[in-house]
């Protein structure tokens, strides 16, 4: 790819610069190559799918209409347990009920439901109409369907806003953070969690790293790019973590499995019920190796996190 080609096609998601260098070549489609902006060093998809195509990724094919689930049993139960654990963890530094919480990209609102049970006032946004309908039907939580910019919330309405694996999906992360800043009360809290593109696993895994998730992830963050973005958007970083029991060890395992024969992310896709479940020699090979790697992957994730190179970056921030 020549510099001229990069300048013609590429546009940085953060600074809107048009000069980038290729960081990762996508096997499926050259439009999904990941380029590093020469101005701000942010990693962006070379040419994202059109908005109407992206919207289809978060509708009925993402969540099952009958029960709002994403995974097959019992993995769905595990996923929901992790969402409830999020709520328990946040209560350590949340204001006492009835503080108000907004979860952007709330999915099926399992996390919000756990906070609601404890007396918090909860709100959520979601692109999937299926997931939003499930949240209303099951938990009585009114989830706004659409982008945060269109949501009917007033300024200084919330004590806490959470962005769990949301920023990497957005065409303009800075605009989202500026909107969140306006929605928070003075001194309000923001929690941001994203995959860490500077992790050890992203480096040795290359294109096989699970968390690239092309082309759904339009941008890819590192501590070098996310910290300054939050600072320029009016937030002070209070604490950071590089460990996620929910996403870290499994991401390591799936990345290793992607070096084996079979389609990319085969094990993960079967857990979500896509394709002919539980059949085929490749799947059984992947399942056996995953079982062997589970404990070593947990130890590896803890070591990587201690060195600041874990797969998941979580920042707790305060509105300035």
C-alpha atoms as a PDB file:
ATOM      1  CA  UNK A   1       0.000   0.000   0.000  1.00  0.00           C
ATOM      2  CA  UNK A   2       1.468   3.344  -0.984  1.00  0.00           C
ATOM      3  CA  UNK A   3       1.308   6.538   1.050  1.00  0.00           C
ATOM      4  CA  UNK A   4      -0.939   8.028  -1.627  1.00  0.00           C
ATOM      5  CA  UNK A   5      -3.391   5.139  -1.248  1.00  0.00           C
ATOM      6  CA  UNK A   6      -3.428   5.587   2.515  1.00  0.00           C
ATOM      7  CA  UNK A   7      -4.124   9.303   2.313  1.00  0.00           C
ATOM      8  CA  UNK A   8      -6.915   8.716  -0.189  1.00  0.00           C
ATOM      9  CA  UNK A   9      -8.775   6.064   1.848  1.00  0.00           C
ATOM     10  CA  UNK A  10      -7.807   6.553   5.477  1.00  0.00           C
ATOM     11  CA  UNK A  11      -9.363   8.889   8.056  1.00  0.00           C
ATOM     12  CA  UNK A  12      -8.357   8.720  11.718  1.00  0.00           C
ATOM     13  CA  UNK A  13     -11.281   8.252  14.126  1.00  0.00           C
ATOM     14  CA  UNK A  14      -9.785  10.667  16.673  1.00  0.00           C
ATOM     15  CA  UNK A  15      -7.918  13.516  14.996  1.00  0.00           C
ATOM     16  CA  UNK A  16      -9.350  13.004  11.476  1.00  0.00           C
ATOM     17  CA  UNK A  17      -5.849  12.913  10.018  1.00  0.00           C
ATOM     18  CA  UNK A  18      -5.505  11.308   6.581  1.00  0.00           C
ATOM     19  CA  UNK A  19      -1.949   9.938   6.797  1.00  0.00           C
ATOM     20  CA  UNK A  20      -1.466   6.514   8.321  1.00  0.00           C
ATOM     21  CA  UNK A  21       0.796   3.486   8.184  1.00  0.00           C
ATOM     22  CA  UNK A  22      -0.454  -0.081   8.079  1.00  0.00           C
ATOM     23  CA  UNK A  23      -0.327  -1.777  11.499  1.00  0.00           C
ATOM     24  CA  UNK A  24      -2.217  -4.944  10.572  1.00  0.00           C
ATOM     25  CA  UNK A  25      -3.401  -6.387   7.284  1.00  0.00           C
ATOM     26  CA  UNK A  26      -6.810  -8.042   7.409  1.00  0.00           C
ATOM     27  CA  UNK A  27      -7.059 -11.426   5.746  1.00  0.00           C
ATOM     28  CA  UNK A  28     -10.733 -11.134   4.784  1.00  0.00           C
ATOM     29  CA  UNK A  29     -10.865  -7.650   3.243  1.00  0.00           C
ATOM     30  CA  UNK A  30      -8.193  -4.989   2.599  1.00  0.00           C
ATOM     31  CA  UNK A  31     -10.733  -2.308   3.584  1.00  0.00           C
ATOM     32  CA  UNK A  32     -10.453  -3.711   7.118  1.00  0.00           C
ATOM     33  CA  UNK A  33      -6.708  -3.158   7.406  1.00  0.00           C
ATOM     34  CA  UNK A  34      -5.800  -1.365  10.635  1.00  0.00           C
ATOM     35  CA  UNK A  35      -3.763   1.807  10.137  1.00  0.00           C
ATOM     36  CA  UNK A  36      -1.859   3.800  12.743  1.00  0.00           C
ATOM     37  CA  UNK A  37      -2.413   7.538  12.452  1.00  0.00           C
ATOM     38  CA  UNK A  38       0.882   9.374  11.960  1.00  0.00           C
ATOM     39  CA  UNK A  39      -0.417  12.392  13.879  1.00  0.00           C
ATOM     40  CA  UNK A  40      -1.993  10.901  17.032  1.00  0.00           C
ATOM     41  CA  UNK A  41      -1.010   7.189  16.761  1.00  0.00           C
ATOM     42  CA  UNK A  42      -4.608   5.984  17.075  1.00  0.00           C
ATOM     43  CA  UNK A  43      -5.420   2.705  15.308  1.00  0.00           C
ATOM     44  CA  UNK A  44      -8.390   2.905  12.936  1.00  0.00           C
ATOM     45  CA  UNK A  45     -10.034   0.680  10.381  1.00  0.00           C
ATOM     46  CA  UNK A  46      -8.851   1.706   6.939  1.00  0.00           C
ATOM     47  CA  UNK A  47     -12.335   1.887   5.442  1.00  0.00           C
ATOM     48  CA  UNK A  48     -15.278   0.983   7.704  1.00  0.00           C
ATOM     49  CA  UNK A  49     -18.487  -0.541   6.336  1.00  0.00           C
ATOM     50  CA  UNK A  50     -21.300   1.941   5.613  1.00  0.00           C
ATOM     51  CA  UNK A  51     -23.556   2.817   8.575  1.00  0.00           C
ATOM     52  CA  UNK A  52     -26.459   0.747   7.285  1.00  0.00           C
ATOM     53  CA  UNK A  53     -24.238  -2.339   7.169  1.00  0.00           C
ATOM     54  CA  UNK A  54     -22.821  -1.716  10.639  1.00  0.00           C
ATOM     55  CA  UNK A  55     -26.342  -1.383  12.057  1.00  0.00           C
ATOM     56  CA  UNK A  56     -27.172  -4.944  11.017  1.00  0.00           C
ATOM     57  CA  UNK A  57     -24.435  -6.297  13.311  1.00  0.00           C
ATOM     58  CA  UNK A  58     -26.419  -5.298  16.414  1.00  0.00           C
ATOM     59  CA  UNK A  59     -29.916  -6.418  15.544  1.00  0.00           C
ATOM     60  CA  UNK A  60     -31.613  -9.811  15.652  1.00  0.00           C
ATOM     61  CA  UNK A  61     -28.525 -11.758  14.555  1.00  0.00           C
ATOM     62  CA  UNK A  62     -26.649 -10.422  17.626  1.00  0.00           C
ATOM     63  CA  UNK A  63     -29.334 -11.125  20.260  1.00  0.00           C
ATOM     64  CA  UNK A  64     -31.973 -13.866  20.043  1.00  0.00           C
ATOM     65  CA  UNK A  65     -35.460 -12.424  19.897  1.00  0.00           C
ATOM     66  CA  UNK A  66     -37.050 -15.065  22.126  1.00  0.00           C
ATOM     67  CA  UNK A  67     -34.952 -14.538  25.252  1.00  0.00           C
ATOM     68  CA  UNK A  68     -32.389 -11.839  24.460  1.00  0.00           C
ATOM     69  CA  UNK A  69     -29.527 -14.310  24.802  1.00  0.00           C
ATOM     70  CA  UNK A  70     -26.198 -14.215  22.939  1.00  0.00           C
ATOM     71  CA  UNK A  71     -24.727 -17.567  23.956  1.00  0.00           C
ATOM     72  CA  UNK A  72     -25.781 -21.163  24.310  1.00  0.00           C
ATOM     73  CA  UNK A  73     -26.496 -22.562  27.753  1.00  0.00           C
ATOM     74  CA  UNK A  74     -24.579 -22.737  30.145  1.00  0.00           C
ATOM     75  CA  UNK A  75     -22.303 -20.036  28.707  1.00  0.00           C
ATOM     76  CA  UNK A  76     -25.195 -17.580  28.716  1.00  0.00           C
ATOM     77  CA  UNK A  77     -25.506 -18.068  32.479  1.00  0.00           C
ATOM     78  CA  UNK A  78     -21.787 -17.371  32.893  1.00  0.00           C
ATOM     79  CA  UNK A  79     -22.066 -14.176  30.807  1.00  0.00           C
ATOM     80  CA  UNK A  80     -24.958 -12.926  32.927  1.00  0.00           C
ATOM     81  CA  UNK A  81     -23.041 -13.715  36.134  1.00  0.00           C
ATOM     82  CA  UNK A  82     -20.191 -11.523  34.918  1.00  0.00           C
ATOM     83  CA  UNK A  83     -22.638  -8.667  34.282  1.00  0.00           C
ATOM     84  CA  UNK A  84     -23.949  -8.934  37.839  1.00  0.00           C
ATOM     85  CA  UNK A  85     -20.369  -8.985  39.124  1.00  0.00           C
ATOM     86  CA  UNK A  86     -19.803  -5.650  37.391  1.00  0.00           C
ATOM     87  CA  UNK A  87     -22.565  -4.143  39.495  1.00  0.00           C
ATOM     88  CA  UNK A  88     -21.139  -5.530  42.742  1.00  0.00           C
ATOM     89  CA  UNK A  89     -17.698  -4.168  41.888  1.00  0.00           C
ATOM     90  CA  UNK A  90     -18.964  -0.669  41.051  1.00  0.00           C
ATOM     91  CA  UNK A  91     -20.904  -0.338  44.297  1.00  0.00           C
ATOM     92  CA  UNK A  92     -17.591   0.129  46.121  1.00  0.00           C
ATOM     93  CA  UNK A  93     -17.239   3.651  44.740  1.00  0.00           C
ATOM     94  CA  UNK A  94     -20.727   4.549  43.535  1.00  0.00           C
ATOM     95  CA  UNK A  95     -22.727   7.125  45.504  1.00  0.00           C
ATOM     96  CA  UNK A  96     -25.397   5.564  47.682  1.00  0.00           C
ATOM     97  CA  UNK A  97     -28.826   4.876  46.145  1.00  0.00           C
ATOM     98  CA  UNK A  98     -30.788   6.434  44.534  1.00  0.00           C
ATOM     99  CA  UNK A  99     -27.823   7.676  42.488  1.00  0.00           C
ATOM    100  CA  UNK A 100     -28.465   7.706  38.737  1.00  0.00           C
ATOM    101  CA  UNK A 101     -26.560   5.480  36.304  1.00  0.00           C
ATOM    102  CA  UNK A 102     -26.453   5.457  32.508  1.00  0.00           C
ATOM    103  CA  UNK A 103     -25.013   2.421  30.720  1.00  0.00           C
ATOM    104  CA  UNK A 104     -24.253   3.245  27.070  1.00  0.00           C
ATOM    105  CA  UNK A 105     -24.594   0.143  24.905  1.00  0.00           C
ATOM    106  CA  UNK A 106     -26.312  -1.706  27.747  1.00  0.00           C
ATOM    107  CA  UNK A 107     -27.126  -4.897  25.841  1.00  0.00           C
ATOM    108  CA  UNK A 108     -29.847  -6.810  27.642  1.00  0.00           C
ATOM    109  CA  UNK A 109     -29.459  -4.558  30.740  1.00  0.00           C
ATOM    110  CA  UNK A 110     -28.462  -7.385  33.104  1.00  0.00           C
ATOM    111  CA  UNK A 111     -25.866  -5.064  34.676  1.00  0.00           C
ATOM    112  CA  UNK A 112     -28.448  -2.298  35.091  1.00  0.00           C
ATOM    113  CA  UNK A 113     -30.990  -4.724  36.541  1.00  0.00           C
ATOM    114  CA  UNK A 114     -28.525  -5.672  39.297  1.00  0.00           C
ATOM    115  CA  UNK A 115     -28.112  -1.988  40.179  1.00  0.00           C
ATOM    116  CA  UNK A 116     -31.860  -1.391  40.018  1.00  0.00           C
ATOM    117  CA  UNK A 117     -32.407  -4.157  42.587  1.00  0.00           C
ATOM    118  CA  UNK A 118     -30.152  -2.192  44.946  1.00  0.00           C
ATOM    119  CA  UNK A 119     -32.148   1.020  44.586  1.00  0.00           C
ATOM    120  CA  UNK A 120     -30.251   2.881  41.874  1.00  0.00           C
ATOM    121  CA  UNK A 121     -32.017   4.844  39.145  1.00  0.00           C
ATOM    122  CA  UNK A 122     -30.902   3.234  35.909  1.00  0.00           C
ATOM    123  CA  UNK A 123     -31.054   4.115  32.224  1.00  0.00           C
ATOM    124  CA  UNK A 124     -29.516   2.530  29.147  1.00  0.00           C
ATOM    125  CA  UNK A 125     -28.995   2.997  25.437  1.00  0.00           C
ATOM    126  CA  UNK A 126     -28.761   0.219  22.886  1.00  0.00           C
ATOM    127  CA  UNK A 127     -28.662  -0.135  19.106  1.00  0.00           C
ATOM    128  CA  UNK A 128     -30.424  -3.502  19.129  1.00  0.00           C
ATOM    129  CA  UNK A 129     -34.206  -3.243  19.292  1.00  0.00           C
ATOM    130  CA  UNK A 130     -34.283  -6.926  20.276  1.00  0.00           C
ATOM    131  CA  UNK A 131     -32.074  -6.386  23.331  1.00  0.00           C
ATOM    132  CA  UNK A 132     -33.967  -3.236  24.345  1.00  0.00           C
ATOM    133  CA  UNK A 133     -37.298  -5.049  24.147  1.00  0.00           C
ATOM    134  CA  UNK A 134     -35.914  -7.823  26.350  1.00  0.00           C
ATOM    135  CA  UNK A 135     -34.732  -5.260  28.950  1.00  0.00           C
ATOM    136  CA  UNK A 136     -38.167  -3.638  29.071  1.00  0.00           C
ATOM    137  CA  UNK A 137     -40.022  -6.945  29.186  1.00  0.00           C
ATOM    138  CA  UNK A 138     -37.823  -8.699  31.747  1.00  0.00           C
ATOM    139  CA  UNK A 139     -36.493  -5.954  34.018  1.00  0.00           C
ATOM    140  CA  UNK A 140     -38.851  -3.038  33.452  1.00  0.00           C
ATOM    141  CA  UNK A 141     -35.943  -0.845  32.307  1.00  0.00           C
ATOM    142  CA  UNK A 142     -36.741   1.657  29.565  1.00  0.00           C
ATOM    143  CA  UNK A 143     -33.799   1.429  27.179  1.00  0.00           C
ATOM    144  CA  UNK A 144     -33.405   4.064  24.485  1.00  0.00           C
ATOM    145  CA  UNK A 145     -32.857   2.501  21.060  1.00  0.00           C
ATOM    146  CA  UNK A 146     -30.352   4.523  19.049  1.00  0.00           C
ATOM    147  CA  UNK A 147     -27.171   6.536  19.388  1.00  0.00           C
ATOM    148  CA  UNK A 148     -26.330   8.412  22.585  1.00  0.00           C
ATOM    149  CA  UNK A 149     -26.363  11.733  20.702  1.00  0.00           C
ATOM    150  CA  UNK A 150     -30.104  11.283  20.046  1.00  0.00           C
ATOM    151  CA  UNK A 151     -31.041  10.096  23.539  1.00  0.00           C
ATOM    152  CA  UNK A 152     -33.423  12.461  25.398  1.00  0.00           C
ATOM    153  CA  UNK A 153     -31.322  13.013  28.529  1.00  0.00           C
ATOM    154  CA  UNK A 154     -30.745  16.413  30.076  1.00  0.00           C
ATOM    155  CA  UNK A 155     -27.379  17.832  31.059  1.00  0.00           C
ATOM    156  CA  UNK A 156     -25.940  16.899  34.478  1.00  0.00           C
ATOM    157  CA  UNK A 157     -28.462  14.067  34.792  1.00  0.00           C
ATOM    158  CA  UNK A 158     -26.229  11.206  35.958  1.00  0.00           C
ATOM    159  CA  UNK A 159     -23.843  10.333  38.775  1.00  0.00           C
ATOM    160  CA  UNK A 160     -22.173   7.568  36.736  1.00  0.00           C
ATOM    161  CA  UNK A 161     -21.904   6.703  33.046  1.00  0.00           C
ATOM    162  CA  UNK A 162     -20.421   3.384  31.928  1.00  0.00           C
ATOM    163  CA  UNK A 163     -18.978   2.503  28.525  1.00  0.00           C
ATOM    164  CA  UNK A 164     -18.300  -1.236  28.589  1.00  0.00           C
ATOM    165  CA  UNK A 165     -16.658  -2.115  25.254  1.00  0.00           C
ATOM    166  CA  UNK A 166     -18.435   0.677  23.413  1.00  0.00           C
ATOM    167  CA  UNK A 167     -15.833   3.227  22.276  1.00  0.00           C
ATOM    168  CA  UNK A 168     -14.157   0.806  19.868  1.00  0.00           C
ATOM    169  CA  UNK A 169     -17.452   0.482  17.957  1.00  0.00           C
ATOM    170  CA  UNK A 170     -17.981   4.200  17.406  1.00  0.00           C
ATOM    171  CA  UNK A 171     -17.132   6.266  14.323  1.00  0.00           C
ATOM    172  CA  UNK A 172     -16.398   9.290  16.564  1.00  0.00           C
ATOM    173  CA  UNK A 173     -15.290   8.318  20.111  1.00  0.00           C
ATOM    174  CA  UNK A 174     -14.425  11.908  21.022  1.00  0.00           C
ATOM    175  CA  UNK A 175     -17.971  13.113  20.299  1.00  0.00           C
ATOM    176  CA  UNK A 176     -19.348  10.354  22.537  1.00  0.00           C
ATOM    177  CA  UNK A 177     -17.071  11.333  25.442  1.00  0.00           C
ATOM    178  CA  UNK A 178     -17.970  14.997  25.070  1.00  0.00           C
ATOM    179  CA  UNK A 179     -21.650  14.074  25.230  1.00  0.00           C
ATOM    180  CA  UNK A 180     -21.010  11.929  28.325  1.00  0.00           C
ATOM    181  CA  UNK A 181     -19.185  14.845  29.959  1.00  0.00           C
ATOM    182  CA  UNK A 182     -22.268  17.016  29.497  1.00  0.00           C
ATOM    183  CA  UNK A 183     -24.572  14.320  30.901  1.00  0.00           C
ATOM    184  CA  UNK A 184     -22.577  13.850  34.105  1.00  0.00           C
ATOM    185  CA  UNK A 185     -23.133  15.863  37.254  1.00  0.00           C
ATOM    186  CA  UNK A 186     -20.176  17.919  38.547  1.00  0.00           C
ATOM    187  CA  UNK A 187     -17.595  15.459  39.841  1.00  0.00           C
ATOM    188  CA  UNK A 188     -19.532  12.568  38.293  1.00  0.00           C
ATOM    189  CA  UNK A 189     -17.824   9.285  37.447  1.00  0.00           C
ATOM    190  CA  UNK A 190     -17.118   7.607  34.127  1.00  0.00           C
ATOM    191  CA  UNK A 191     -16.014   4.018  33.632  1.00  0.00           C
ATOM    192  CA  UNK A 192     -14.503   3.038  30.268  1.00  0.00           C
ATOM    193  CA  UNK A 193     -13.446  -0.468  29.272  1.00  0.00           C
ATOM    194  CA  UNK A 194     -11.892  -1.344  25.904  1.00  0.00           C
ATOM    195  CA  UNK A 195      -9.601  -4.002  24.418  1.00  0.00           C
ATOM    196  CA  UNK A 196      -5.944  -3.032  24.780  1.00  0.00           C
ATOM    197  CA  UNK A 197      -4.296  -3.064  21.349  1.00  0.00           C
ATOM    198  CA  UNK A 198      -0.895  -2.710  23.063  1.00  0.00           C
ATOM    199  CA  UNK A 199      -1.345  -5.975  24.970  1.00  0.00           C
ATOM    200  CA  UNK A 200       1.122  -8.807  24.755  1.00  0.00           C
ATOM    201  CA  UNK A 201      -1.547 -10.996  23.132  1.00  0.00           C
ATOM    202  CA  UNK A 202      -2.276  -8.445  20.412  1.00  0.00           C
ATOM    203  CA  UNK A 203       1.463  -8.306  19.635  1.00  0.00           C
ATOM    204  CA  UNK A 204       2.190 -12.040  19.357  1.00  0.00           C
ATOM    205  CA  UNK A 205      -1.310 -12.948  18.147  1.00  0.00           C
ATOM    206  CA  UNK A 206      -1.226 -10.560  15.184  1.00  0.00           C
ATOM    207  CA  UNK A 207      -4.351 -10.831  13.071  1.00  0.00           C
ATOM    208  CA  UNK A 208      -5.448 -13.837  15.155  1.00  0.00           C
ATOM    209  CA  UNK A 209      -6.104 -11.719  18.266  1.00  0.00           C
ATOM    210  CA  UNK A 210      -9.757 -12.191  19.199  1.00  0.00           C
ATOM    211  CA  UNK A 211     -10.373  -8.575  20.194  1.00  0.00           C
ATOM    212  CA  UNK A 212      -9.658  -7.011  16.792  1.00  0.00           C
ATOM    213  CA  UNK A 213     -13.232  -8.146  15.947  1.00  0.00           C
ATOM    214  CA  UNK A 214     -13.121  -6.785  12.415  1.00  0.00           C
ATOM    215  CA  UNK A 215     -15.015  -4.915  11.079  1.00  0.00           C
ATOM    216  CA  UNK A 216     -17.251  -4.206  14.093  1.00  0.00           C
ATOM    217  CA  UNK A 217     -14.412  -2.492  15.959  1.00  0.00           C
ATOM    218  CA  UNK A 218     -13.728   0.712  14.059  1.00  0.00           C
ATOM    219  CA  UNK A 219     -10.976   1.954  16.388  1.00  0.00           C
ATOM    220  CA  UNK A 220      -8.432   0.241  18.634  1.00  0.00           C
ATOM    221  CA  UNK A 221      -7.182   1.845  21.835  1.00  0.00           C
ATOM    222  CA  UNK A 222      -3.961   1.722  23.804  1.00  0.00           C
ATOM    223  CA  UNK A 223      -3.073   3.532  27.050  1.00  0.00           C
ATOM    224  CA  UNK A 224      -1.101   5.950  24.855  1.00  0.00           C
ATOM    225  CA  UNK A 225      -4.224   7.041  22.961  1.00  0.00           C
ATOM    226  CA  UNK A 226      -7.101   6.545  25.432  1.00  0.00           C
ATOM    227  CA  UNK A 227      -5.559   8.520  28.310  1.00  0.00           C
ATOM    228  CA  UNK A 228      -5.007  11.738  26.300  1.00  0.00           C
ATOM    229  CA  UNK A 229      -8.442  11.385  24.700  1.00  0.00           C
ATOM    230  CA  UNK A 230     -10.114  11.286  28.113  1.00  0.00           C
ATOM    231  CA  UNK A 231      -7.999  14.195  29.358  1.00  0.00           C
ATOM    232  CA  UNK A 232      -8.889  16.385  26.371  1.00  0.00           C
ATOM    233  CA  UNK A 233     -12.569  15.450  26.805  1.00  0.00           C
ATOM    234  CA  UNK A 234     -12.633  16.834  30.351  1.00  0.00           C
ATOM    235  CA  UNK A 235     -11.928  13.747  32.486  1.00  0.00           C
ATOM    236  CA  UNK A 236      -9.339  12.925  35.120  1.00  0.00           C
ATOM    237  CA  UNK A 237      -8.227   9.284  35.220  1.00  0.00           C
ATOM    238  CA  UNK A 238      -8.507   8.058  38.819  1.00  0.00           C
ATOM    239  CA  UNK A 239      -7.412   4.447  38.359  1.00  0.00           C
ATOM    240  CA  UNK A 240      -6.626   1.951  35.629  1.00  0.00           C
ATOM    241  CA  UNK A 241      -6.620  -1.823  35.343  1.00  0.00           C
ATOM    242  CA  UNK A 242      -5.307  -4.241  32.735  1.00  0.00           C
ATOM    243  CA  UNK A 243      -7.098  -7.361  33.980  1.00  0.00           C
ATOM    244  CA  UNK A 244     -10.575  -8.639  33.165  1.00  0.00           C
ATOM    245  CA  UNK A 245     -11.630 -12.096  34.306  1.00  0.00           C
ATOM    246  CA  UNK A 246     -14.589 -11.802  31.944  1.00  0.00           C
ATOM    247  CA  UNK A 247     -12.667 -11.108  28.733  1.00  0.00           C
ATOM    248  CA  UNK A 248      -8.937 -11.576  29.348  1.00  0.00           C
ATOM    249  CA  UNK A 249      -8.258 -15.324  29.758  1.00  0.00           C
ATOM    250  CA  UNK A 250     -10.849 -16.343  27.179  1.00  0.00           C
ATOM    251  CA  UNK A 251      -9.393 -13.889  24.669  1.00  0.00           C
ATOM    252  CA  UNK A 252      -5.956 -15.442  25.186  1.00  0.00           C
ATOM    253  CA  UNK A 253      -7.336 -18.948  24.696  1.00  0.00           C
ATOM    254  CA  UNK A 254      -9.268 -18.058  21.542  1.00  0.00           C
ATOM    255  CA  UNK A 255      -6.242 -16.264  20.088  1.00  0.00           C
ATOM    256  CA  UNK A 256      -4.147 -19.419  20.531  1.00  0.00           C
ATOM    257  CA  UNK A 257      -6.943 -21.533  19.044  1.00  0.00           C
ATOM    258  CA  UNK A 258      -6.895 -19.298  15.973  1.00  0.00           C
ATOM    259  CA  UNK A 259      -3.479 -20.758  15.136  1.00  0.00           C
ATOM    260  CA  UNK A 260      -5.091 -24.208  14.800  1.00  0.00           C
ATOM    261  CA  UNK A 261      -6.921 -25.551  11.726  1.00  0.00           C
ATOM    262  CA  UNK A 262     -10.501 -24.313  11.371  1.00  0.00           C
ATOM    263  CA  UNK A 263     -12.310 -21.042  10.789  1.00  0.00           C
ATOM    264  CA  UNK A 264     -11.229 -17.971  12.793  1.00  0.00           C
ATOM    265  CA  UNK A 265     -12.827 -17.727  16.247  1.00  0.00           C
ATOM    266  CA  UNK A 266     -14.454 -21.124  15.693  1.00  0.00           C
ATOM    267  CA  UNK A 267     -14.798 -21.917  19.408  1.00  0.00           C
ATOM    268  CA  UNK A 268     -16.255 -18.480  20.256  1.00  0.00           C
ATOM    269  CA  UNK A 269     -18.745 -18.606  17.382  1.00  0.00           C
ATOM    270  CA  UNK A 270     -19.986 -22.038  18.449  1.00  0.00           C
ATOM    271  CA  UNK A 271     -20.499 -20.795  22.017  1.00  0.00           C
ATOM    272  CA  UNK A 272     -22.780 -18.145  20.512  1.00  0.00           C
ATOM    273  CA  UNK A 273     -24.714 -20.864  18.678  1.00  0.00           C
ATOM    274  CA  UNK A 274     -23.615 -19.876  15.194  1.00  0.00           C
ATOM    275  CA  UNK A 275     -23.005 -22.638  12.710  1.00  0.00           C
ATOM    276  CA  UNK A 276     -23.475 -26.411  13.281  1.00  0.00           C
ATOM    277  CA  UNK A 277     -22.939 -26.560  17.034  1.00  0.00           C
ATOM    278  CA  UNK A 278     -20.784 -29.214  18.675  1.00  0.00           C
ATOM    279  CA  UNK A 279     -20.053 -31.037  15.419  1.00  0.00           C
ATOM    280  CA  UNK A 280     -16.869 -31.462  13.432  1.00  0.00           C
ATOM    281  CA  UNK A 281     -13.340 -32.615  14.230  1.00  0.00           C
ATOM    282  CA  UNK A 282     -12.000 -29.039  14.237  1.00  0.00           C
ATOM    283  CA  UNK A 283     -14.417 -27.957  16.953  1.00  0.00           C
ATOM    284  CA  UNK A 284     -13.589 -30.898  19.221  1.00  0.00           C
ATOM    285  CA  UNK A 285      -9.879 -30.172  18.774  1.00  0.00           C
ATOM    286  CA  UNK A 286     -10.438 -26.540  19.705  1.00  0.00           C
ATOM    287  CA  UNK A 287     -12.590 -27.467  22.716  1.00  0.00           C
ATOM    288  CA  UNK A 288      -9.973 -29.907  24.021  1.00  0.00           C
ATOM    289  CA  UNK A 289      -7.144 -27.402  23.667  1.00  0.00           C
ATOM    290  CA  UNK A 290      -9.281 -24.697  25.308  1.00  0.00           C
ATOM    291  CA  UNK A 291      -9.794 -26.911  28.353  1.00  0.00           C
ATOM    292  CA  UNK A 292      -6.042 -27.500  28.641  1.00  0.00           C
ATOM    293  CA  UNK A 293      -5.245 -23.793  28.300  1.00  0.00           C
ATOM    294  CA  UNK A 294      -7.822 -22.419  30.740  1.00  0.00           C
ATOM    295  CA  UNK A 295      -5.659 -22.283  33.877  1.00  0.00           C
ATOM    296  CA  UNK A 296      -2.409 -21.240  32.113  1.00  0.00           C
ATOM    297  CA  UNK A 297      -4.344 -18.465  30.331  1.00  0.00           C
ATOM    298  CA  UNK A 298      -5.584 -17.140  33.675  1.00  0.00           C
ATOM    299  CA  UNK A 299      -2.028 -17.047  35.063  1.00  0.00           C
ATOM    300  CA  UNK A 300      -0.735 -15.415  31.879  1.00  0.00           C
ATOM    301  CA  UNK A 301      -3.484 -12.761  32.008  1.00  0.00           C
ATOM    302  CA  UNK A 302      -2.626 -11.912  35.604  1.00  0.00           C
ATOM    303  CA  UNK A 303       1.083 -11.555  34.757  1.00  0.00           C
ATOM    304  CA  UNK A 304       0.352  -9.441  31.657  1.00  0.00           C
ATOM    305  CA  UNK A 305      -1.938  -7.197  33.709  1.00  0.00           C
ATOM    306  CA  UNK A 306       0.721  -6.722  36.381  1.00  0.00           C
ATOM    307  CA  UNK A 307       3.110  -5.579  33.640  1.00  0.00           C
ATOM    308  CA  UNK A 308       0.535  -3.201  32.129  1.00  0.00           C
ATOM    309  CA  UNK A 309       0.137  -5.350  29.025  1.00  0.00           C
ATOM    310  CA  UNK A 310      -3.138  -7.155  29.674  1.00  0.00           C
ATOM    311  CA  UNK A 311      -5.751  -7.645  26.978  1.00  0.00           C
ATOM    312  CA  UNK A 312      -8.381  -5.361  28.539  1.00  0.00           C
ATOM    313  CA  UNK A 313      -7.930  -1.755  29.623  1.00  0.00           C
ATOM    314  CA  UNK A 314     -10.352  -0.358  32.223  1.00  0.00           C
ATOM    315  CA  UNK A 315     -10.194   3.285  33.318  1.00  0.00           C
ATOM    316  CA  UNK A 316     -12.176   4.869  36.135  1.00  0.00           C
ATOM    317  CA  UNK A 317     -12.471   8.611  35.629  1.00  0.00           C
ATOM    318  CA  UNK A 318     -13.908  11.725  37.218  1.00  0.00           C
ATOM    319  CA  UNK A 319     -15.467  14.686  35.457  1.00  0.00           C
ATOM    320  CA  UNK A 320     -13.341  17.803  35.883  1.00  0.00           C
END
